[in-house]
């Protein structure tokens, strides 16, 4: 019963954060919503018993790719040169 509740909560977070990541106008906010999406997907892997896949997703996708996206967005200028 408790697993069903957690599954529904994380499933709702995944749907909402995916929609916000696509529809948000600010690119940094979209990257943060993408991070919420990936953390929630990794937590679903942990609940399903695939601990290795969840850990890899946390380390590679959330830890490396999203932080690289945010870092590169902060370094680029939004103004025309």
C-alpha atoms as a PDB file:
ATOM      1  CA  UNK A   1       0.000   0.000   0.000  1.00  0.00           C
ATOM      2  CA  UNK A   2       2.759   2.441   0.900  1.00  0.00           C
ATOM      3  CA  UNK A   3       4.605   1.672  -2.341  1.00  0.00           C
ATOM      4  CA  UNK A   4       1.494   2.535  -4.325  1.00  0.00           C
ATOM      5  CA  UNK A   5       1.225   5.892  -2.597  1.00  0.00           C
ATOM      6  CA  UNK A   6       4.899   6.688  -3.228  1.00  0.00           C
ATOM      7  CA  UNK A   7       4.540   5.575  -6.841  1.00  0.00           C
ATOM      8  CA  UNK A   8       1.585   7.894  -7.380  1.00  0.00           C
ATOM      9  CA  UNK A   9       3.344  10.819  -5.695  1.00  0.00           C
ATOM     10  CA  UNK A  10       6.537  10.437  -7.724  1.00  0.00           C
ATOM     11  CA  UNK A  11       4.544   9.780 -10.882  1.00  0.00           C
ATOM     12  CA  UNK A  12       2.675  13.052 -10.389  1.00  0.00           C
ATOM     13  CA  UNK A  13       5.960  14.880  -9.761  1.00  0.00           C
ATOM     14  CA  UNK A  14       7.370  13.395 -12.971  1.00  0.00           C
ATOM     15  CA  UNK A  15       4.394  14.514 -15.068  1.00  0.00           C
ATOM     16  CA  UNK A  16       4.257  18.019 -13.591  1.00  0.00           C
ATOM     17  CA  UNK A  17       8.002  18.648 -13.779  1.00  0.00           C
ATOM     18  CA  UNK A  18       8.215  17.339 -17.358  1.00  0.00           C
ATOM     19  CA  UNK A  19       5.421  19.670 -18.446  1.00  0.00           C
ATOM     20  CA  UNK A  20       7.004  22.618 -16.630  1.00  0.00           C
ATOM     21  CA  UNK A  21      10.429  21.870 -18.141  1.00  0.00           C
ATOM     22  CA  UNK A  22       8.968  22.041 -21.638  1.00  0.00           C
ATOM     23  CA  UNK A  23       6.636  25.009 -21.180  1.00  0.00           C
ATOM     24  CA  UNK A  24       8.730  27.315 -18.980  1.00  0.00           C
ATOM     25  CA  UNK A  25      10.094  30.429 -20.690  1.00  0.00           C
ATOM     26  CA  UNK A  26      13.227  30.745 -18.540  1.00  0.00           C
ATOM     27  CA  UNK A  27      15.896  28.234 -19.584  1.00  0.00           C
ATOM     28  CA  UNK A  28      17.452  28.007 -16.115  1.00  0.00           C
ATOM     29  CA  UNK A  29      14.077  27.214 -14.590  1.00  0.00           C
ATOM     30  CA  UNK A  30      13.595  24.561 -17.266  1.00  0.00           C
ATOM     31  CA  UNK A  31      16.894  22.963 -16.254  1.00  0.00           C
ATOM     32  CA  UNK A  32      15.795  22.918 -12.611  1.00  0.00           C
ATOM     33  CA  UNK A  33      12.477  21.298 -13.571  1.00  0.00           C
ATOM     34  CA  UNK A  34      14.454  18.756 -15.597  1.00  0.00           C
ATOM     35  CA  UNK A  35      16.490  18.005 -12.480  1.00  0.00           C
ATOM     36  CA  UNK A  36      13.276  17.397 -10.497  1.00  0.00           C
ATOM     37  CA  UNK A  37      12.111  15.064 -13.259  1.00  0.00           C
ATOM     38  CA  UNK A  38      15.328  13.031 -13.203  1.00  0.00           C
ATOM     39  CA  UNK A  39      15.448  12.783  -9.407  1.00  0.00           C
ATOM     40  CA  UNK A  40      11.857  11.549  -9.331  1.00  0.00           C
ATOM     41  CA  UNK A  41      12.565   9.007 -12.070  1.00  0.00           C
ATOM     42  CA  UNK A  42      15.607   7.767 -10.150  1.00  0.00           C
ATOM     43  CA  UNK A  43      13.506   7.413  -7.011  1.00  0.00           C
ATOM     44  CA  UNK A  44      11.044   5.256  -8.950  1.00  0.00           C
ATOM     45  CA  UNK A  45      13.922   3.007  -9.959  1.00  0.00           C
ATOM     46  CA  UNK A  46      14.897   2.706  -6.289  1.00  0.00           C
ATOM     47  CA  UNK A  47      11.333   1.764  -5.345  1.00  0.00           C
ATOM     48  CA  UNK A  48      11.212  -0.854  -8.110  1.00  0.00           C
ATOM     49  CA  UNK A  49      14.366  -2.488  -6.771  1.00  0.00           C
ATOM     50  CA  UNK A  50      16.752  -1.347  -9.517  1.00  0.00           C
ATOM     51  CA  UNK A  51      19.194   0.378  -7.191  1.00  0.00           C
ATOM     52  CA  UNK A  52      22.086   0.411  -9.644  1.00  0.00           C
ATOM     53  CA  UNK A  53      20.061   2.107 -12.405  1.00  0.00           C
ATOM     54  CA  UNK A  54      18.729   4.662  -9.909  1.00  0.00           C
ATOM     55  CA  UNK A  55      22.215   5.425  -8.618  1.00  0.00           C
ATOM     56  CA  UNK A  56      23.624   5.752 -12.130  1.00  0.00           C
ATOM     57  CA  UNK A  57      20.816   8.093 -13.101  1.00  0.00           C
ATOM     58  CA  UNK A  58      21.453  10.239 -10.043  1.00  0.00           C
ATOM     59  CA  UNK A  59      25.199  10.360 -10.586  1.00  0.00           C
ATOM     60  CA  UNK A  60      25.351  10.724 -14.349  1.00  0.00           C
ATOM     61  CA  UNK A  61      22.204  12.588 -15.325  1.00  0.00           C
ATOM     62  CA  UNK A  62      21.463  14.738 -12.304  1.00  0.00           C
ATOM     63  CA  UNK A  63      25.004  15.134 -11.060  1.00  0.00           C
ATOM     64  CA  UNK A  64      26.785  15.716 -14.326  1.00  0.00           C
ATOM     65  CA  UNK A  65      24.487  16.643 -17.184  1.00  0.00           C
ATOM     66  CA  UNK A  66      22.067  18.994 -15.407  1.00  0.00           C
ATOM     67  CA  UNK A  67      24.868  20.755 -13.527  1.00  0.00           C
ATOM     68  CA  UNK A  68      26.796  21.109 -16.807  1.00  0.00           C
ATOM     69  CA  UNK A  69      23.715  22.573 -18.475  1.00  0.00           C
ATOM     70  CA  UNK A  70      23.200  25.101 -15.677  1.00  0.00           C
ATOM     71  CA  UNK A  71      26.906  25.975 -15.601  1.00  0.00           C
ATOM     72  CA  UNK A  72      27.048  26.537 -19.349  1.00  0.00           C
ATOM     73  CA  UNK A  73      23.863  28.604 -19.284  1.00  0.00           C
ATOM     74  CA  UNK A  74      25.292  30.815 -16.568  1.00  0.00           C
ATOM     75  CA  UNK A  75      28.464  31.417 -18.569  1.00  0.00           C
ATOM     76  CA  UNK A  76      26.786  32.348 -21.834  1.00  0.00           C
ATOM     77  CA  UNK A  77      25.563  35.871 -22.270  1.00  0.00           C
ATOM     78  CA  UNK A  78      21.931  36.485 -23.095  1.00  0.00           C
ATOM     79  CA  UNK A  79      22.706  39.776 -24.808  1.00  0.00           C
ATOM     80  CA  UNK A  80      23.549  40.219 -28.457  1.00  0.00           C
ATOM     81  CA  UNK A  81      27.173  41.166 -28.974  1.00  0.00           C
END
